[in-house]
N, C-alpha and C. Protein backbone atom coordinates (compact mmCIF):
# COMPACT_ATOMS: atom_id res chain seq x y z
N MET A 1 -40.01 1.85 20.03
CA MET A 1 -39.37 1.43 19.01
C MET A 1 -40.99 1.45 17.89
N ASN A 2 -40.75 2.25 16.63
CA ASN A 2 -42.11 2.58 16.20
C ASN A 2 -42.05 1.72 15.16
N ASP A 3 -43.15 1.14 14.23
CA ASP A 3 -43.69 0.17 13.43
C ASP A 3 -42.59 0.18 12.24
N ASN A 4 -41.99 0.58 11.96
CA ASN A 4 -41.17 1.16 10.91
C ASN A 4 -39.64 -0.79 11.87
N ASP A 5 -39.35 -0.34 13.07
CA ASP A 5 -38.46 -1.62 13.73
C ASP A 5 -39.25 -2.62 13.91
N ALA A 6 -39.81 -2.65 14.10
CA ALA A 6 -40.62 -4.55 14.57
C ALA A 6 -41.01 -5.15 13.18
N PRO A 7 -39.71 -6.48 13.70
CA PRO A 7 -39.69 -7.74 12.27
C PRO A 7 -41.59 -8.03 12.00
N LEU A 8 -41.16 -7.58 10.63
CA LEU A 8 -41.96 -8.38 9.27
C LEU A 8 -43.48 -10.04 9.40
N PRO A 9 -44.12 -9.06 9.16
CA PRO A 9 -44.44 -11.16 9.18
C PRO A 9 -44.34 -11.57 8.08
N PRO A 10 -44.72 -12.89 8.63
CA PRO A 10 -43.48 -14.18 7.85
C PRO A 10 -44.61 -13.60 6.29
N ASP A 11 -45.27 -13.35 6.08
CA ASP A 11 -45.70 -13.05 4.59
C ASP A 11 -45.13 -11.79 3.72
N GLU A 12 -45.27 -10.89 4.64
CA GLU A 12 -44.66 -9.09 4.41
C GLU A 12 -43.17 -9.95 4.61
N LEU A 13 -42.75 -9.88 5.20
CA LEU A 13 -41.47 -9.93 4.84
C LEU A 13 -40.53 -11.09 3.40
N GLY A 14 -41.53 -12.06 3.14
CA GLY A 14 -41.42 -12.83 2.67
C GLY A 14 -41.12 -12.52 0.90
N HIS A 15 -41.93 -10.84 0.82
CA HIS A 15 -42.55 -10.53 -0.21
C HIS A 15 -41.68 -9.32 -0.40
N HIS A 16 -40.33 -8.75 0.87
CA HIS A 16 -39.60 -7.77 0.78
C HIS A 16 -38.07 -8.66 0.50
N VAL A 17 -38.07 -9.92 0.92
CA VAL A 17 -36.61 -10.47 0.29
C VAL A 17 -37.02 -11.47 -0.53
N SER A 18 -38.35 -11.66 -1.31
CA SER A 18 -37.86 -11.62 -2.71
C SER A 18 -37.70 -10.60 -3.85
N GLU A 19 -37.69 -8.49 -3.20
CA GLU A 19 -37.07 -8.00 -3.83
C GLU A 19 -36.22 -7.50 -3.56
N VAL A 20 -35.39 -8.18 -2.45
CA VAL A 20 -34.36 -8.27 -2.62
C VAL A 20 -33.88 -9.05 -3.27
N PHE A 21 -33.94 -10.05 -3.62
CA PHE A 21 -33.37 -11.26 -4.39
C PHE A 21 -33.18 -10.37 -5.99
N ASP A 22 -34.05 -10.16 -6.14
CA ASP A 22 -34.79 -9.75 -8.09
C ASP A 22 -33.66 -8.38 -7.60
N LEU A 23 -33.61 -7.85 -6.67
CA LEU A 23 -32.51 -6.54 -6.92
C LEU A 23 -31.25 -7.13 -6.66
N ILE A 24 -30.41 -8.08 -6.51
CA ILE A 24 -29.82 -8.38 -6.26
C ILE A 24 -29.04 -9.46 -7.43
N GLY A 25 -30.00 -10.57 -8.16
CA GLY A 25 -29.65 -10.33 -9.36
C GLY A 25 -29.79 -9.77 -10.01
N ALA A 26 -29.97 -8.50 -10.24
CA ALA A 26 -29.73 -7.06 -11.53
C ALA A 26 -28.54 -6.57 -10.77
N LEU A 27 -27.75 -6.57 -9.91
CA LEU A 27 -26.29 -5.81 -9.26
C LEU A 27 -25.32 -7.17 -9.95
N TYR A 28 -25.95 -8.30 -9.36
CA TYR A 28 -24.68 -9.57 -9.88
C TYR A 28 -24.47 -9.88 -11.54
N ARG A 29 -25.76 -9.85 -12.24
CA ARG A 29 -25.30 -9.60 -14.03
C ARG A 29 -24.72 -8.74 -13.90
N ARG A 30 -25.15 -7.41 -13.53
CA ARG A 30 -23.96 -6.44 -14.18
C ARG A 30 -22.55 -6.68 -13.92
N GLY A 31 -22.21 -6.54 -11.96
CA GLY A 31 -20.96 -6.28 -11.66
C GLY A 31 -20.62 -7.99 -12.59
N LEU A 32 -21.06 -9.11 -12.69
CA LEU A 32 -20.44 -9.43 -13.66
C LEU A 32 -20.18 -9.70 -14.72
N ARG A 33 -20.78 -8.44 -15.92
CA ARG A 33 -20.69 -7.86 -16.85
C ARG A 33 -19.40 -6.76 -17.09
N LYS A 34 -19.04 -6.27 -15.77
CA LYS A 34 -18.30 -5.40 -15.35
C LYS A 34 -16.67 -6.43 -15.11
N ILE A 35 -16.50 -7.09 -14.55
CA ILE A 35 -15.35 -8.57 -13.62
C ILE A 35 -15.30 -8.69 -15.32
N GLU A 36 -16.33 -8.53 -16.05
CA GLU A 36 -15.81 -9.93 -17.74
C GLU A 36 -15.21 -9.03 -18.37
N GLN A 37 -15.61 -7.58 -18.16
CA GLN A 37 -15.26 -6.37 -18.97
C GLN A 37 -13.59 -6.83 -18.42
N GLY A 38 -12.73 -6.46 -17.12
CA GLY A 38 -11.57 -6.35 -16.79
C GLY A 38 -10.84 -7.69 -17.09
N GLU A 39 -12.00 -8.93 -17.08
CA GLU A 39 -10.85 -9.80 -17.69
C GLU A 39 -10.39 -10.08 -18.73
N GLN A 40 -11.07 -9.72 -19.80
CA GLN A 40 -10.55 -9.01 -20.67
C GLN A 40 -9.25 -8.55 -20.38
N VAL A 41 -8.89 -7.92 -20.06
CA VAL A 41 -7.23 -6.99 -20.42
C VAL A 41 -6.71 -7.96 -19.20
N GLU A 42 -7.15 -9.06 -18.00
CA GLU A 42 -5.81 -9.38 -17.00
C GLU A 42 -6.32 -10.90 -17.51
N GLY A 43 -7.43 -11.02 -18.32
CA GLY A 43 -7.49 -13.01 -18.64
C GLY A 43 -7.81 -13.35 -17.57
N VAL A 44 -9.18 -13.56 -16.89
CA VAL A 44 -9.03 -14.18 -15.70
C VAL A 44 -10.35 -14.06 -15.46
N SER A 45 -11.01 -15.54 -15.18
CA SER A 45 -12.05 -15.79 -15.40
C SER A 45 -13.12 -14.94 -14.17
N VAL A 46 -14.19 -15.35 -13.76
CA VAL A 46 -14.40 -14.99 -12.52
C VAL A 46 -14.58 -15.95 -11.94
N GLY A 47 -14.46 -17.02 -11.83
CA GLY A 47 -13.70 -17.87 -11.37
C GLY A 47 -12.46 -18.61 -10.32
N VAL A 48 -11.49 -17.89 -11.42
CA VAL A 48 -10.17 -18.27 -11.55
C VAL A 48 -10.19 -16.76 -10.17
N ARG A 49 -10.65 -16.14 -10.50
CA ARG A 49 -11.27 -14.61 -9.71
C ARG A 49 -11.68 -14.91 -8.28
N SER A 50 -12.32 -15.79 -8.16
CA SER A 50 -13.01 -16.03 -6.77
C SER A 50 -12.14 -17.10 -5.76
N VAL A 51 -11.15 -18.36 -6.86
CA VAL A 51 -9.81 -18.68 -6.23
C VAL A 51 -9.12 -18.27 -5.06
N LEU A 52 -8.90 -16.46 -6.25
CA LEU A 52 -7.03 -16.14 -6.16
C LEU A 52 -7.70 -15.35 -4.74
N VAL A 53 -9.28 -15.24 -4.78
CA VAL A 53 -9.32 -14.03 -3.45
C VAL A 53 -9.64 -14.73 -2.66
N LEU A 54 -9.85 -16.08 -2.58
CA LEU A 54 -9.50 -16.91 -1.60
C LEU A 54 -8.77 -17.32 -0.96
N LEU A 55 -7.48 -17.60 -1.76
CA LEU A 55 -6.21 -18.10 -1.58
C LEU A 55 -5.79 -17.18 -0.86
N ARG A 56 -5.82 -16.01 -1.10
CA ARG A 56 -4.61 -14.38 -0.62
C ARG A 56 -4.96 -14.22 0.51
N ARG A 57 -7.09 -14.18 0.91
CA ARG A 57 -7.39 -14.21 1.81
C ARG A 57 -7.77 -15.37 3.15
N TYR A 58 -7.02 -16.19 3.00
CA TYR A 58 -7.01 -17.53 3.75
C TYR A 58 -5.49 -18.75 3.85
N GLY A 59 -4.98 -18.27 3.24
CA GLY A 59 -3.87 -19.25 2.62
C GLY A 59 -4.36 -20.24 2.05
N ALA A 60 -3.12 -20.83 1.95
CA ALA A 60 -3.17 -22.32 1.06
C ALA A 60 -4.55 -23.38 2.00
N MET A 61 -4.93 -23.40 0.50
CA MET A 61 -6.34 -24.84 1.28
C MET A 61 -6.04 -26.00 -0.17
N THR A 62 -6.80 -26.47 -0.01
CA THR A 62 -7.15 -27.80 -0.83
C THR A 62 -8.86 -27.31 -1.61
N VAL A 63 -9.53 -28.09 -2.49
CA VAL A 63 -10.23 -27.54 -3.19
C VAL A 63 -11.57 -27.92 -2.58
N PRO A 64 -11.66 -29.10 -1.77
CA PRO A 64 -12.86 -29.15 -1.23
C PRO A 64 -13.55 -28.13 0.12
N GLN A 65 -12.23 -27.18 0.66
CA GLN A 65 -12.10 -26.79 0.93
C GLN A 65 -13.18 -25.43 0.52
N MET A 66 -12.12 -25.01 -0.41
CA MET A 66 -12.41 -23.71 -0.90
C MET A 66 -13.92 -24.33 -1.98
N GLY A 67 -14.14 -25.83 -2.48
CA GLY A 67 -15.05 -25.87 -2.90
C GLY A 67 -17.06 -24.98 -1.86
N ARG A 68 -16.85 -25.94 -0.76
CA ARG A 68 -17.20 -25.91 0.63
C ARG A 68 -17.66 -23.96 1.38
N ILE A 69 -16.58 -23.05 1.28
CA ILE A 69 -16.87 -21.71 1.10
C ILE A 69 -17.77 -20.92 0.25
N MET A 70 -17.22 -21.71 -0.79
CA MET A 70 -17.74 -20.82 -1.85
C MET A 70 -19.28 -21.82 -2.41
N ALA A 71 -19.83 -22.88 -1.83
CA ALA A 71 -21.22 -23.40 -1.83
C ALA A 71 -20.83 -23.69 -3.63
N LEU A 72 -19.84 -24.50 -3.78
CA LEU A 72 -19.42 -24.60 -5.36
C LEU A 72 -19.43 -26.03 -5.50
N THR A 73 -19.40 -27.09 -6.19
CA THR A 73 -18.95 -27.82 -6.43
C THR A 73 -17.48 -28.27 -6.54
N ARG A 74 -17.27 -29.07 -5.95
CA ARG A 74 -15.29 -29.41 -6.21
C ARG A 74 -14.69 -29.60 -8.01
N GLN A 75 -16.01 -30.31 -8.46
CA GLN A 75 -15.44 -30.46 -9.84
C GLN A 75 -15.02 -29.08 -10.77
N PHE A 76 -15.82 -28.28 -10.13
CA PHE A 76 -16.38 -26.75 -11.57
C PHE A 76 -14.89 -26.07 -10.12
N VAL A 77 -14.75 -26.19 -8.97
CA VAL A 77 -12.96 -25.06 -8.40
C VAL A 77 -11.88 -26.04 -8.65
N GLN A 78 -12.05 -27.52 -8.79
CA GLN A 78 -10.84 -27.52 -9.42
C GLN A 78 -10.58 -27.21 -11.25
N ARG A 79 -11.93 -27.22 -11.63
CA ARG A 79 -11.22 -26.98 -13.13
C ARG A 79 -10.66 -24.76 -12.90
N MET A 80 -11.44 -24.09 -12.46
CA MET A 80 -10.92 -23.30 -11.44
C MET A 80 -8.81 -22.70 -11.36
N VAL A 81 -9.32 -24.05 -10.10
CA VAL A 81 -7.68 -23.95 -10.29
C VAL A 81 -6.68 -24.77 -11.16
N ASN A 82 -7.43 -25.63 -11.78
CA ASN A 82 -6.35 -25.88 -12.42
C ASN A 82 -6.33 -24.45 -13.42
N ASP A 83 -7.11 -23.89 -14.08
CA ASP A 83 -6.92 -22.57 -14.93
C ASP A 83 -5.91 -21.40 -13.97
N ALA A 84 -6.08 -22.09 -12.67
CA ALA A 84 -4.88 -20.85 -12.02
C ALA A 84 -4.03 -21.27 -11.71
N VAL A 85 -3.35 -22.18 -11.56
CA VAL A 85 -2.18 -22.59 -11.91
C VAL A 85 -1.67 -22.53 -13.48
N ALA A 86 -2.49 -22.94 -14.73
CA ALA A 86 -2.10 -23.06 -15.89
C ALA A 86 -1.81 -21.55 -16.22
N GLY A 87 -2.31 -20.08 -15.27
CA GLY A 87 -2.13 -19.40 -15.30
C GLY A 87 -0.83 -19.03 -14.77
N GLY A 88 -0.09 -19.37 -13.94
CA GLY A 88 1.24 -18.82 -13.52
C GLY A 88 0.34 -18.51 -11.40
N TRP A 89 -0.37 -18.15 -11.33
CA TRP A 89 -1.41 -18.30 -10.84
C TRP A 89 -1.13 -18.40 -9.30
N ALA A 90 -1.14 -20.15 -9.03
CA ALA A 90 -1.14 -20.67 -7.88
C ALA A 90 -0.37 -21.34 -8.59
N GLU A 91 0.01 -22.13 -7.37
CA GLU A 91 0.92 -23.78 -7.57
C GLU A 91 0.51 -24.68 -6.14
N VAL A 92 -0.26 -26.44 -7.10
CA VAL A 92 -0.12 -26.96 -5.60
C VAL A 92 1.63 -27.77 -4.75
N THR A 93 0.99 -27.50 -4.44
CA THR A 93 2.13 -27.99 -3.18
C THR A 93 1.51 -29.41 -1.96
N PRO A 94 2.01 -30.67 -1.73
CA PRO A 94 1.61 -31.25 -0.90
C PRO A 94 1.12 -31.05 0.32
N ASN A 95 -0.01 -31.49 0.38
CA ASN A 95 -1.00 -31.45 2.71
C ASN A 95 -0.47 -32.33 2.92
N PRO A 96 0.90 -32.16 4.06
CA PRO A 96 1.21 -33.02 5.08
C PRO A 96 -0.21 -33.62 5.56
N ALA A 97 -1.72 -32.47 6.19
CA ALA A 97 -2.68 -33.49 6.54
C ALA A 97 -2.74 -34.33 5.91
N HIS A 98 -3.09 -34.40 4.51
CA HIS A 98 -4.09 -35.23 3.90
C HIS A 98 -3.01 -35.54 2.46
N GLN A 99 -2.51 -37.01 1.97
CA GLN A 99 -1.98 -37.10 0.99
C GLN A 99 -2.44 -36.71 -0.47
N ARG A 100 -4.30 -37.73 -0.31
CA ARG A 100 -4.38 -36.65 -1.49
C ARG A 100 -5.34 -36.03 -1.84
N SER A 101 -5.34 -35.19 -1.07
CA SER A 101 -5.62 -33.61 -1.07
C SER A 101 -4.91 -32.44 -1.19
N SER A 102 -4.34 -32.12 -2.26
CA SER A 102 -3.14 -30.92 -2.83
C SER A 102 -3.37 -30.06 -2.03
N LEU A 103 -2.47 -29.23 -1.15
CA LEU A 103 -3.02 -27.88 -0.63
C LEU A 103 -2.83 -26.95 -1.79
N ILE A 104 -3.46 -26.01 -2.52
CA ILE A 104 -3.07 -25.25 -3.33
C ILE A 104 -2.51 -24.01 -2.71
N ARG A 105 -2.02 -22.65 -2.89
CA ARG A 105 -1.13 -21.84 -2.47
C ARG A 105 -1.02 -20.45 -3.56
N ILE A 106 -1.33 -19.60 -3.45
CA ILE A 106 -0.86 -18.35 -4.88
C ILE A 106 0.05 -18.34 -4.62
N THR A 107 0.20 -17.95 -5.85
CA THR A 107 1.58 -17.82 -6.38
C THR A 107 2.23 -15.72 -5.91
N ALA A 108 3.40 -15.41 -6.41
CA ALA A 108 3.31 -13.82 -6.04
C ALA A 108 2.91 -13.27 -7.40
N THR A 109 2.92 -13.73 -8.11
CA THR A 109 2.41 -13.25 -9.38
C THR A 109 0.62 -13.64 -9.61
N GLY A 110 0.37 -14.62 -8.40
CA GLY A 110 -0.85 -14.56 -8.17
C GLY A 110 -1.73 -13.44 -7.64
N GLU A 111 -0.54 -13.12 -6.10
CA GLU A 111 -0.74 -12.19 -5.67
C GLU A 111 -0.71 -10.51 -6.25
N ALA A 112 -0.51 -10.47 -6.92
CA ALA A 112 -0.12 -9.78 -7.86
C ALA A 112 -1.48 -8.92 -8.70
N LEU A 113 -1.45 -10.02 -9.28
CA LEU A 113 -2.79 -10.37 -10.20
C LEU A 113 -4.36 -9.90 -9.27
N ILE A 114 -4.43 -10.38 -7.90
CA ILE A 114 -5.72 -10.24 -7.31
C ILE A 114 -4.83 -8.79 -6.72
N ASP A 115 -4.04 -8.27 -6.11
CA ASP A 115 -4.01 -7.37 -6.32
C ASP A 115 -4.73 -5.71 -7.13
N ALA A 116 -4.09 -6.33 -7.93
CA ALA A 116 -4.48 -5.13 -9.62
C ALA A 116 -6.24 -5.72 -9.17
N ILE A 117 -6.79 -6.67 -9.98
CA ILE A 117 -7.75 -7.06 -10.34
C ILE A 117 -8.85 -6.16 -9.14
N LEU A 118 -8.04 -6.09 -8.01
CA LEU A 118 -9.70 -6.34 -6.43
C LEU A 118 -9.03 -4.10 -6.46
N ALA A 119 -8.19 -4.54 -6.54
CA ALA A 119 -8.00 -2.10 -6.95
C ALA A 119 -8.48 -1.41 -7.63
N ARG A 120 -8.70 -2.52 -8.89
CA ARG A 120 -9.06 -1.92 -9.59
C ARG A 120 -11.15 -1.59 -9.75
N GLU A 121 -11.74 -2.93 -8.73
CA GLU A 121 -12.71 -2.78 -8.44
C GLU A 121 -13.18 -1.98 -7.47
N HIS A 122 -12.17 -2.06 -6.47
CA HIS A 122 -12.09 -1.06 -4.93
C HIS A 122 -12.62 0.49 -5.64
N ALA A 123 -11.80 0.60 -6.69
CA ALA A 123 -11.96 1.64 -7.51
C ALA A 123 -13.59 2.16 -7.82
N LEU A 124 -14.17 1.04 -8.77
CA LEU A 124 -15.42 1.44 -9.37
C LEU A 124 -16.32 1.10 -7.56
N ASN A 125 -16.23 0.36 -6.82
CA ASN A 125 -17.30 0.30 -5.80
C ASN A 125 -16.83 1.99 -4.90
N ARG A 126 -16.14 3.01 -5.78
CA ARG A 126 -16.38 3.81 -4.16
C ARG A 126 -16.10 4.70 -5.42
N GLN A 127 -17.07 4.77 -6.62
CA GLN A 127 -17.99 5.61 -7.49
C GLN A 127 -19.57 5.12 -6.94
N VAL A 128 -19.68 4.44 -6.29
CA VAL A 128 -21.14 3.81 -5.32
C VAL A 128 -22.00 5.09 -4.75
N GLY A 129 -22.94 5.71 -4.85
CA GLY A 129 -23.43 6.58 -5.09
C GLY A 129 -25.27 7.32 -3.73
N GLY A 130 -25.38 7.93 -3.88
CA GLY A 130 -26.17 7.94 -2.83
C GLY A 130 -26.10 7.36 -1.18
N GLU A 131 -25.36 8.68 -0.62
CA GLU A 131 -24.14 9.02 0.57
C GLU A 131 -24.92 7.96 1.73
N LEU A 132 -24.43 6.45 1.01
CA LEU A 132 -24.50 5.34 2.36
C LEU A 132 -23.84 5.71 2.95
N THR A 133 -24.34 5.37 4.17
CA THR A 133 -23.80 5.50 5.89
C THR A 133 -23.38 3.89 6.16
N GLU A 134 -22.17 3.96 7.36
CA GLU A 134 -22.03 2.58 7.77
C GLU A 134 -23.09 1.33 8.13
N ALA A 135 -24.25 2.85 8.88
CA ALA A 135 -25.75 1.75 9.44
C ALA A 135 -25.88 1.49 8.93
N GLU A 136 -26.60 1.84 7.21
CA GLU A 136 -27.11 1.48 6.49
C GLU A 136 -26.29 0.42 5.33
N LEU A 137 -24.84 0.36 5.32
CA LEU A 137 -24.07 -0.93 5.10
C LEU A 137 -24.31 -2.38 5.80
N ARG A 138 -23.54 -2.04 7.54
CA ARG A 138 -23.86 -2.94 8.35
C ARG A 138 -25.69 -3.32 8.25
N ALA A 139 -26.61 -2.72 8.17
CA ALA A 139 -27.92 -3.52 8.05
C ALA A 139 -27.77 -3.93 7.22
N CYS A 140 -27.39 -3.38 5.95
CA CYS A 140 -27.34 -4.49 4.29
C CYS A 140 -26.92 -6.39 3.86
N LYS A 141 -26.19 -5.71 5.30
CA LYS A 141 -25.06 -7.30 4.84
C LYS A 141 -25.57 -7.66 6.42
N ARG A 142 -26.23 -7.61 6.80
CA ARG A 142 -26.63 -8.23 7.91
C ARG A 142 -28.05 -9.21 7.55
N VAL A 143 -28.54 -7.98 6.66
CA VAL A 143 -30.07 -8.96 6.09
C VAL A 143 -29.67 -10.09 5.47
N LEU A 144 -28.76 -9.40 4.43
CA LEU A 144 -27.68 -10.79 3.21
C LEU A 144 -27.06 -11.74 4.16
N LYS A 145 -27.05 -12.20 5.39
CA LYS A 145 -26.21 -12.72 5.90
C LYS A 145 -26.90 -13.75 6.19
N GLU A 146 -28.95 -13.08 6.43
CA GLU A 146 -29.89 -14.36 7.27
C GLU A 146 -30.37 -14.85 5.96
N MET A 147 -30.03 -13.74 4.92
CA MET A 147 -31.01 -15.18 4.56
C MET A 147 -29.80 -16.01 3.38
N LEU A 148 -28.74 -16.11 3.47
CA LEU A 148 -27.70 -16.90 3.09
C LEU A 148 -27.93 -18.13 3.92
N LYS A 149 -28.18 -17.37 5.70
CA LYS A 149 -28.74 -18.69 6.54
C LYS A 149 -29.79 -19.14 6.91
N THR A 150 -30.41 -18.85 5.42
CA THR A 150 -31.90 -19.93 5.52
C THR A 150 -31.58 -20.25 4.28
N PHE A 151 -30.00 -20.60 3.72
CA PHE A 151 -30.23 -21.95 1.88
C PHE A 151 -29.41 -22.99 3.01
N ASP A 152 -28.57 -22.07 4.30
CA ASP A 152 -27.87 -22.78 5.19
C ASP A 152 -28.76 -24.18 5.83
N HIS A 153 -30.10 -23.96 5.37
CA HIS A 153 -31.04 -24.53 6.81
C HIS A 153 -32.06 -24.89 6.82
N VAL A 154 -32.44 -24.65 5.35
CA VAL A 154 -33.70 -24.90 4.49
C VAL A 154 -33.60 -26.12 2.98
N ASP A 155 -34.22 -26.92 2.99
CA ASP A 155 -34.30 -28.39 1.88
C ASP A 155 -35.54 -27.85 0.92
N MET A 156 -34.90 -27.81 0.37
CA MET A 156 -36.44 -27.48 -0.68
C MET A 156 -36.30 -29.34 -1.64
N ASP A 157 -36.79 -30.35 -0.92
CA ASP A 157 -37.47 -31.42 -1.64
C ASP A 157 -38.15 -31.49 -2.15
């Protein structure tokens, strides 16, 4: 194992992680702008897109379940669900397990819409350069997951 493979001391790790956050912020802002350009075509906000992706991936869910997965407030998710329902992309159905928390289900129209959005995004993602390898992307995802775990366990009182 060479020096580049050894775990970093906390101070050095902290500096590198800060650089990663800076890059994630820039990537997020630029990606959001690109998605919003597509929003003008499809009429779907970034929040509604996120709800439709969840419903497409996991099936019918309650608003609180979606909020936990996305780490967003129930109220915000409810507004996005309301927009999706108003657009005909999702529907509210009874929840046999919980009377007061309805299930939200994606409609066929919503499935077609999110498939089109994801296909457009995939076409853009295919243009990423740098001759990235599977190992590099696997390492990137591992780092990001570790960073996410930190915020699941750290309370910044």
